Amino acid sequence: MMIPLKAFIRREEGIGTVEIVIIIAVLVGIALIFRDAIINFAVELMRSIFGNENIINDINSSGIRDNNPVN
């Protein structure tokens, strides 16, 4: 009984896939937690690059947050 169990534990098929899925889940979670900060950073970056208020008004971060509330 112990020999098949040890053999099962030593097989590592699919471990890489599980690791990738866990990493993606953590990154998505972090993105959701810091959503407002990420949006504000992107808006400030575009403001410093383009300097055009029309672009900034199109990306209004408060509008994005109001239209897509986090439950």
PDB file of N, CA and C in Angstrom:
ATOM      1  N   MET A   1       0.820  -1.202   0.000  1.00  0.00           N
ATOM      2  CA  MET A   1       0.000   0.000   0.000  1.00  0.00           C
ATOM      3  C   MET A   1       0.861   1.262   0.000  1.00  0.00           C
ATOM      4  N   MET A   2       1.959   1.271   0.730  1.00  0.00           N
ATOM      5  CA  MET A   2       2.812   2.453   0.822  1.00  0.00           C
ATOM      6  C   MET A   2       3.561   2.726  -0.478  1.00  0.00           C
ATOM      7  N   ILE A   3       3.940   1.677  -1.194  1.00  0.00           N
ATOM      8  CA  ILE A   3       4.708   1.869  -2.425  1.00  0.00           C
ATOM      9  C   ILE A   3       3.884   2.613  -3.482  1.00  0.00           C
ATOM     10  N   PRO A   4       2.630   2.221  -3.755  1.00  0.00           N
ATOM     11  CA  PRO A   4       1.845   2.998  -4.729  1.00  0.00           C
ATOM     12  C   PRO A   4       1.584   4.437  -4.264  1.00  0.00           C
ATOM     13  N   LEU A   5       1.412   4.627  -2.972  1.00  0.00           N
ATOM     14  CA  LEU A   5       1.180   5.970  -2.445  1.00  0.00           C
ATOM     15  C   LEU A   5       2.411   6.850  -2.654  1.00  0.00           C
ATOM     16  N   LYS A   6       3.593   6.315  -2.371  1.00  0.00           N
ATOM     17  CA  LYS A   6       4.828   7.077  -2.583  1.00  0.00           C
ATOM     18  C   LYS A   6       5.032   7.391  -4.061  1.00  0.00           C
ATOM     19  N   ALA A   7       4.720   6.437  -4.916  1.00  0.00           N
ATOM     20  CA  ALA A   7       4.858   6.660  -6.355  1.00  0.00           C
ATOM     21  C   ALA A   7       3.893   7.751  -6.815  1.00  0.00           C
ATOM     22  N   PHE A   8       2.687   7.756  -6.273  1.00  0.00           N
ATOM     23  CA  PHE A   8       1.695   8.775  -6.629  1.00  0.00           C
ATOM     24  C   PHE A   8       2.164  10.163  -6.197  1.00  0.00           C
ATOM     25  N   ILE A   9       2.729  10.245  -5.013  1.00  0.00           N
ATOM     26  CA  ILE A   9       3.187  11.534  -4.490  1.00  0.00           C
ATOM     27  C   ILE A   9       4.379  12.057  -5.292  1.00  0.00           C
ATOM     28  N   ARG A  10       5.245  11.173  -5.749  1.00  0.00           N
ATOM     29  CA  ARG A  10       6.447  11.592  -6.479  1.00  0.00           C
ATOM     30  C   ARG A  10       6.156  12.059  -7.899  1.00  0.00           C
ATOM     31  N   ARG A  11       5.037  11.642  -8.463  1.00  0.00           N
ATOM     32  CA  ARG A  11       4.704  12.107  -9.813  1.00  0.00           C
ATOM     33  C   ARG A  11       4.411  13.599  -9.758  1.00  0.00           C
ATOM     34  N   GLU A  12       4.958  14.317 -10.679  1.00  0.00           N
ATOM     35  CA  GLU A  12       4.790  15.771 -10.668  1.00  0.00           C
ATOM     36  C   GLU A  12       4.121  16.263 -11.941  1.00  0.00           C
ATOM     37  N   GLU A  13       3.302  15.448 -12.548  1.00  0.00           N
ATOM     38  CA  GLU A  13       2.588  15.863 -13.752  1.00  0.00           C
ATOM     39  C   GLU A  13       1.570  16.938 -13.393  1.00  0.00           C
ATOM     40  N   GLY A  14       1.604  18.020 -14.084  1.00  0.00           N
ATOM     41  CA  GLY A  14       0.621  19.072 -13.865  1.00  0.00           C
ATOM     42  C   GLY A  14       0.973  20.051 -12.766  1.00  0.00           C
ATOM     43  N   ILE A  15       2.076  19.828 -12.068  1.00  0.00           N
ATOM     44  CA  ILE A  15       2.447  20.743 -10.997  1.00  0.00           C
ATOM     45  C   ILE A  15       2.748  22.136 -11.562  1.00  0.00           C
ATOM     46  N   GLY A  16       3.388  22.199 -12.711  1.00  0.00           N
ATOM     47  CA  GLY A  16       3.687  23.492 -13.333  1.00  0.00           C
ATOM     48  C   GLY A  16       2.430  24.261 -13.669  1.00  0.00           C
ATOM     49  N   THR A  17       1.410  23.555 -14.148  1.00  0.00           N
ATOM     50  CA  THR A  17       0.141  24.203 -14.478  1.00  0.00           C
ATOM     51  C   THR A  17      -0.521  24.763 -13.227  1.00  0.00           C
ATOM     52  N   VAL A  18      -0.487  24.006 -12.156  1.00  0.00           N
ATOM     53  CA  VAL A  18      -1.087  24.464 -10.900  1.00  0.00           C
ATOM     54  C   VAL A  18      -0.350  25.700 -10.393  1.00  0.00           C
ATOM     55  N   GLU A  19       0.959  25.704 -10.499  1.00  0.00           N
ATOM     56  CA  GLU A  19       1.730  26.869 -10.058  1.00  0.00           C
ATOM     57  C   GLU A  19       1.359  28.113 -10.858  1.00  0.00           C
ATOM     58  N   ILE A  20       1.227  27.966 -12.158  1.00  0.00           N
ATOM     59  CA  ILE A  20       0.861  29.101 -13.013  1.00  0.00           C
ATOM     60  C   ILE A  20      -0.529  29.615 -12.654  1.00  0.00           C
ATOM     61  N   VAL A  21      -1.472  28.715 -12.427  1.00  0.00           N
ATOM     62  CA  VAL A  21      -2.840  29.116 -12.065  1.00  0.00           C
ATOM     63  C   VAL A  21      -2.834  29.863 -10.738  1.00  0.00           C
ATOM     64  N   ILE A  22      -2.064  29.400  -9.779  1.00  0.00           N
ATOM     65  CA  ILE A  22      -1.994  30.076  -8.480  1.00  0.00           C
ATOM     66  C   ILE A  22      -1.372  31.463  -8.631  1.00  0.00           C
ATOM     67  N   ILE A  23      -0.322  31.575  -9.421  1.00  0.00           N
ATOM     68  CA  ILE A  23       0.318  32.878  -9.639  1.00  0.00           C
ATOM     69  C   ILE A  23      -0.648  33.848 -10.302  1.00  0.00           C
ATOM     70  N   ILE A  24      -1.384  33.386 -11.302  1.00  0.00           N
ATOM     71  CA  ILE A  24      -2.361  34.248 -11.979  1.00  0.00           C
ATOM     72  C   ILE A  24      -3.459  34.675 -11.016  1.00  0.00           C
ATOM     73  N   ALA A  25      -3.932  33.752 -10.181  1.00  0.00           N
ATOM     74  CA  ALA A  25      -4.978  34.087  -9.212  1.00  0.00           C
ATOM     75  C   ALA A  25      -4.492  35.148  -8.225  1.00  0.00           C
ATOM     76  N   VAL A  26      -3.259  35.028  -7.776  1.00  0.00           N
ATOM     77  CA  VAL A  26      -2.704  36.018  -6.847  1.00  0.00           C
ATOM     78  C   VAL A  26      -2.580  37.379  -7.530  1.00  0.00           C
ATOM     79  N   LEU A  27      -2.109  37.404  -8.766  1.00  0.00           N
ATOM     80  CA  LEU A  27      -1.975  38.674  -9.490  1.00  0.00           C
ATOM     81  C   LEU A  27      -3.327  39.339  -9.729  1.00  0.00           C
ATOM     82  N   VAL A  28      -4.334  38.553 -10.067  1.00  0.00           N
ATOM     83  CA  VAL A  28      -5.680  39.111 -10.258  1.00  0.00           C
ATOM     84  C   VAL A  28      -6.208  39.660  -8.937  1.00  0.00           C
ATOM     85  N   GLY A  29      -5.985  38.947  -7.850  1.00  0.00           N
ATOM     86  CA  GLY A  29      -6.414  39.423  -6.537  1.00  0.00           C
ATOM     87  C   GLY A  29      -5.753  40.735  -6.161  1.00  0.00           C
ATOM     88  N   ILE A  30      -4.457  40.834  -6.400  1.00  0.00           N
ATOM     89  CA  ILE A  30      -3.736  42.078  -6.110  1.00  0.00           C
ATOM     90  C   ILE A  30      -4.262  43.216  -6.980  1.00  0.00           C
ATOM     91  N   ALA A  31      -4.526  42.925  -8.245  1.00  0.00           N
ATOM     92  CA  ALA A  31      -5.059  43.958  -9.144  1.00  0.00           C
ATOM     93  C   ALA A  31      -6.423  44.443  -8.670  1.00  0.00           C
ATOM     94  N   LEU A  32      -7.257  43.536  -8.176  1.00  0.00           N
ATOM     95  CA  LEU A  32      -8.572  43.948  -7.680  1.00  0.00           C
ATOM     96  C   LEU A  32      -8.459  44.760  -6.395  1.00  0.00           C
ATOM     97  N   ILE A  33      -7.543  44.383  -5.533  1.00  0.00           N
ATOM     98  CA  ILE A  33      -7.376  45.106  -4.274  1.00  0.00           C
ATOM     99  C   ILE A  33      -6.874  46.529  -4.528  1.00  0.00           C
ATOM    100  N   PHE A  34      -5.911  46.668  -5.430  1.00  0.00           N
ATOM    101  CA  PHE A  34      -5.305  47.972  -5.696  1.00  0.00           C
ATOM    102  C   PHE A  34      -5.836  48.605  -6.975  1.00  0.00           C
ATOM    103  N   ARG A  35      -7.065  48.303  -7.316  1.00  0.00           N
ATOM    104  CA  ARG A  35      -7.673  48.766  -8.564  1.00  0.00           C
ATOM    105  C   ARG A  35      -7.636  50.286  -8.710  1.00  0.00           C
ATOM    106  N   ASP A  36      -8.071  50.992  -7.689  1.00  0.00           N
ATOM    107  CA  ASP A  36      -8.107  52.462  -7.758  1.00  0.00           C
ATOM    108  C   ASP A  36      -6.710  53.048  -7.905  1.00  0.00           C
ATOM    109  N   ALA A  37      -5.760  52.506  -7.175  1.00  0.00           N
ATOM    110  CA  ALA A  37      -4.391  53.016  -7.257  1.00  0.00           C
ATOM    111  C   ALA A  37      -3.803  52.778  -8.645  1.00  0.00           C
ATOM    112  N   ILE A  38      -4.094  51.629  -9.236  1.00  0.00           N
ATOM    113  CA  ILE A  38      -3.594  51.321 -10.575  1.00  0.00           C
ATOM    114  C   ILE A  38      -4.213  52.267 -11.601  1.00  0.00           C
ATOM    115  N   ILE A  39      -5.516  52.519 -11.489  1.00  0.00           N
ATOM    116  CA  ILE A  39      -6.189  53.427 -12.424  1.00  0.00           C
ATOM    117  C   ILE A  39      -5.640  54.842 -12.278  1.00  0.00           C
ATOM    118  N   ASN A  40      -5.480  55.297 -11.043  1.00  0.00           N
ATOM    119  CA  ASN A  40      -4.939  56.647 -10.825  1.00  0.00           C
ATOM    120  C   ASN A  40      -3.514  56.766 -11.351  1.00  0.00           C
ATOM    121  N   PHE A  41      -2.715  55.725 -11.165  1.00  0.00           N
ATOM    122  CA  PHE A  41      -1.349  55.730 -11.693  1.00  0.00           C
ATOM    123  C   PHE A  41      -1.353  55.839 -13.210  1.00  0.00           C
ATOM    124  N   ALA A  42      -2.226  55.075 -13.866  1.00  0.00           N
ATOM    125  CA  ALA A  42      -2.300  55.105 -15.333  1.00  0.00           C
ATOM    126  C   ALA A  42      -2.751  56.477 -15.826  1.00  0.00           C
ATOM    127  N   VAL A  43      -3.718  57.076 -15.148  1.00  0.00           N
ATOM    128  CA  VAL A  43      -4.206  58.403 -15.547  1.00  0.00           C
ATOM    129  C   VAL A  43      -3.105  59.443 -15.391  1.00  0.00           C
ATOM    130  N   GLU A  44      -2.393  59.417 -14.267  1.00  0.00           N
ATOM    131  CA  GLU A  44      -1.306  60.379 -14.057  1.00  0.00           C
ATOM    132  C   GLU A  44      -0.181  60.172 -15.064  1.00  0.00           C
ATOM    133  N   LEU A  45       0.097  58.929 -15.402  1.00  0.00           N
ATOM    134  CA  LEU A  45       1.124  58.645 -16.397  1.00  0.00           C
ATOM    135  C   LEU A  45       0.726  59.206 -17.758  1.00  0.00           C
ATOM    136  N   MET A  46      -0.534  59.002 -18.149  1.00  0.00           N
ATOM    137  CA  MET A  46      -1.006  59.539 -19.432  1.00  0.00           C
ATOM    138  C   MET A  46      -1.053  61.061 -19.416  1.00  0.00           C
ATOM    139  N   ARG A  47      -1.392  61.626 -18.273  1.00  0.00           N
ATOM    140  CA  ARG A  47      -1.410  63.093 -18.163  1.00  0.00           C
ATOM    141  C   ARG A  47       0.003  63.649 -18.345  1.00  0.00           C
ATOM    142  N   SER A  48       0.990  62.982 -17.775  1.00  0.00           N
ATOM    143  CA  SER A  48       2.363  63.480 -17.913  1.00  0.00           C
ATOM    144  C   SER A  48       2.897  63.272 -19.328  1.00  0.00           C
ATOM    145  N   ILE A  49       2.430  62.244 -20.015  1.00  0.00           N
ATOM    146  CA  ILE A  49       2.906  61.981 -21.377  1.00  0.00           C
ATOM    147  C   ILE A  49       2.192  62.868 -22.389  1.00  0.00           C
ATOM    148  N   PHE A  50       0.857  62.866 -22.350  1.00  0.00           N
ATOM    149  CA  PHE A  50       0.079  63.557 -23.375  1.00  0.00           C
ATOM    150  C   PHE A  50      -0.234  64.997 -23.005  1.00  0.00           C
ATOM    151  N   GLY A  51      -0.536  65.257 -21.745  1.00  0.00           N
ATOM    152  CA  GLY A  51      -0.852  66.598 -21.306  1.00  0.00           C
ATOM    153  C   GLY A  51      -2.150  67.140 -21.871  1.00  0.00           C
ATOM    154  N   ASN A  52      -2.943  66.303 -22.506  1.00  0.00           N
ATOM    155  CA  ASN A  52      -4.188  66.729 -23.133  1.00  0.00           C
ATOM    156  C   ASN A  52      -5.347  66.348 -22.215  1.00  0.00           C
ATOM    157  N   GLU A  53      -6.109  67.326 -21.783  1.00  0.00           N
ATOM    158  CA  GLU A  53      -7.212  67.062 -20.856  1.00  0.00           C
ATOM    159  C   GLU A  53      -8.327  66.231 -21.483  1.00  0.00           C
ATOM    160  N   ASN A  54      -8.470  66.274 -22.811  1.00  0.00           N
ATOM    161  CA  ASN A  54      -9.509  65.467 -23.457  1.00  0.00           C
ATOM    162  C   ASN A  54      -9.271  63.981 -23.224  1.00  0.00           C
ATOM    163  N   ILE A  55      -8.037  63.573 -23.294  1.00  0.00           N
ATOM    164  CA  ILE A  55      -7.705  62.166 -23.052  1.00  0.00           C
ATOM    165  C   ILE A  55      -7.993  61.812 -21.605  1.00  0.00           C
ATOM    166  N   ILE A  56      -7.625  62.683 -20.696  1.00  0.00           N
ATOM    167  CA  ILE A  56      -7.833  62.419 -19.274  1.00  0.00           C
ATOM    168  C   ILE A  56      -9.322  62.344 -18.962  1.00  0.00           C
ATOM    169  N   ASN A  57     -10.120  63.199 -19.559  1.00  0.00           N
ATOM    170  CA  ASN A  57     -11.561  63.167 -19.315  1.00  0.00           C
ATOM    171  C   ASN A  57     -12.191  61.886 -19.853  1.00  0.00           C
ATOM    172  N   ASP A  58     -11.645  61.343 -20.925  1.00  0.00           N
ATOM    173  CA  ASP A  58     -12.159  60.086 -21.470  1.00  0.00           C
ATOM    174  C   ASP A  58     -11.894  58.915 -20.537  1.00  0.00           C
ATOM    175  N   ILE A  59     -10.875  59.027 -19.723  1.00  0.00           N
ATOM    176  CA  ILE A  59     -10.472  57.921 -18.856  1.00  0.00           C
ATOM    177  C   ILE A  59     -10.873  58.186 -17.412  1.00  0.00           C
ATOM    178  N   ASN A  60     -11.735  59.066 -17.157  1.00  0.00           N
ATOM    179  CA  ASN A  60     -12.130  59.466 -15.810  1.00  0.00           C
ATOM    180  C   ASN A  60     -12.171  58.264 -14.871  1.00  0.00           C
ATOM    181  N   SER A  61     -11.241  58.206 -13.933  1.00  0.00           N
ATOM    182  CA  SER A  61     -11.111  57.030 -13.068  1.00  0.00           C
ATOM    183  C   SER A  61     -12.298  56.867 -12.127  1.00  0.00           C
ATOM    184  N   SER A  62     -12.901  57.957 -11.702  1.00  0.00           N
ATOM    185  CA  SER A  62     -14.065  57.814 -10.823  1.00  0.00           C
ATOM    186  C   SER A  62     -15.235  57.220 -11.584  1.00  0.00           C
ATOM    187  N   GLY A  63     -15.358  57.528 -12.864  1.00  0.00           N
ATOM    188  CA  GLY A  63     -16.415  56.936 -13.676  1.00  0.00           C
ATOM    189  C   GLY A  63     -16.220  55.447 -13.859  1.00  0.00           C
ATOM    190  N   ILE A  64     -14.993  55.030 -14.026  1.00  0.00           N
ATOM    191  CA  ILE A  64     -14.706  53.599 -14.149  1.00  0.00           C
ATOM    192  C   ILE A  64     -15.100  52.893 -12.866  1.00  0.00           C
ATOM    193  N   ARG A  65     -14.748  53.471 -11.736  1.00  0.00           N
ATOM    194  CA  ARG A  65     -15.046  52.851 -10.439  1.00  0.00           C
ATOM    195  C   ARG A  65     -16.552  52.827 -10.181  1.00  0.00           C
ATOM    196  N   ASP A  66     -17.268  53.903 -10.536  1.00  0.00           N
ATOM    197  CA  ASP A  66     -18.709  53.958 -10.293  1.00  0.00           C
ATOM    198  C   ASP A  66     -19.470  52.987 -11.183  1.00  0.00           C
ATOM    199  N   ASN A  67     -19.022  52.812 -12.405  1.00  0.00           N
ATOM    200  CA  ASN A  67     -19.720  51.928 -13.336  1.00  0.00           C
ATOM    201  C   ASN A  67     -19.417  50.459 -13.104  1.00  0.00           C
ATOM    202  N   ASN A  68     -18.345  50.152 -12.403  1.00  0.00           N
ATOM    203  CA  ASN A  68     -17.946  48.765 -12.163  1.00  0.00           C
ATOM    204  C   ASN A  68     -17.626  48.557 -10.691  1.00  0.00           C
ATOM    205  N   PRO A  69     -18.631  48.588  -9.823  1.00  0.00           N
ATOM    206  CA  PRO A  69     -18.353  48.455  -8.393  1.00  0.00           C
ATOM    207  C   PRO A  69     -17.846  47.057  -8.044  1.00  0.00           C
ATOM    208  N   VAL A  70     -16.983  47.011  -7.061  1.00  0.00           N
ATOM    209  CA  VAL A  70     -16.490  45.733  -6.555  1.00  0.00           C
ATOM    210  C   VAL A  70     -17.452  45.273  -5.472  1.00  0.00           C
ATOM    211  N   ASN A  71     -17.926  44.057  -5.602  1.00  0.00           N
ATOM    212  CA  ASN A  71     -18.900  43.539  -4.621  1.00  0.00           C
ATOM    213  C   ASN A  71     -18.219  42.959  -3.422  1.00  0.00           C
TER     214      ASN A  71
END
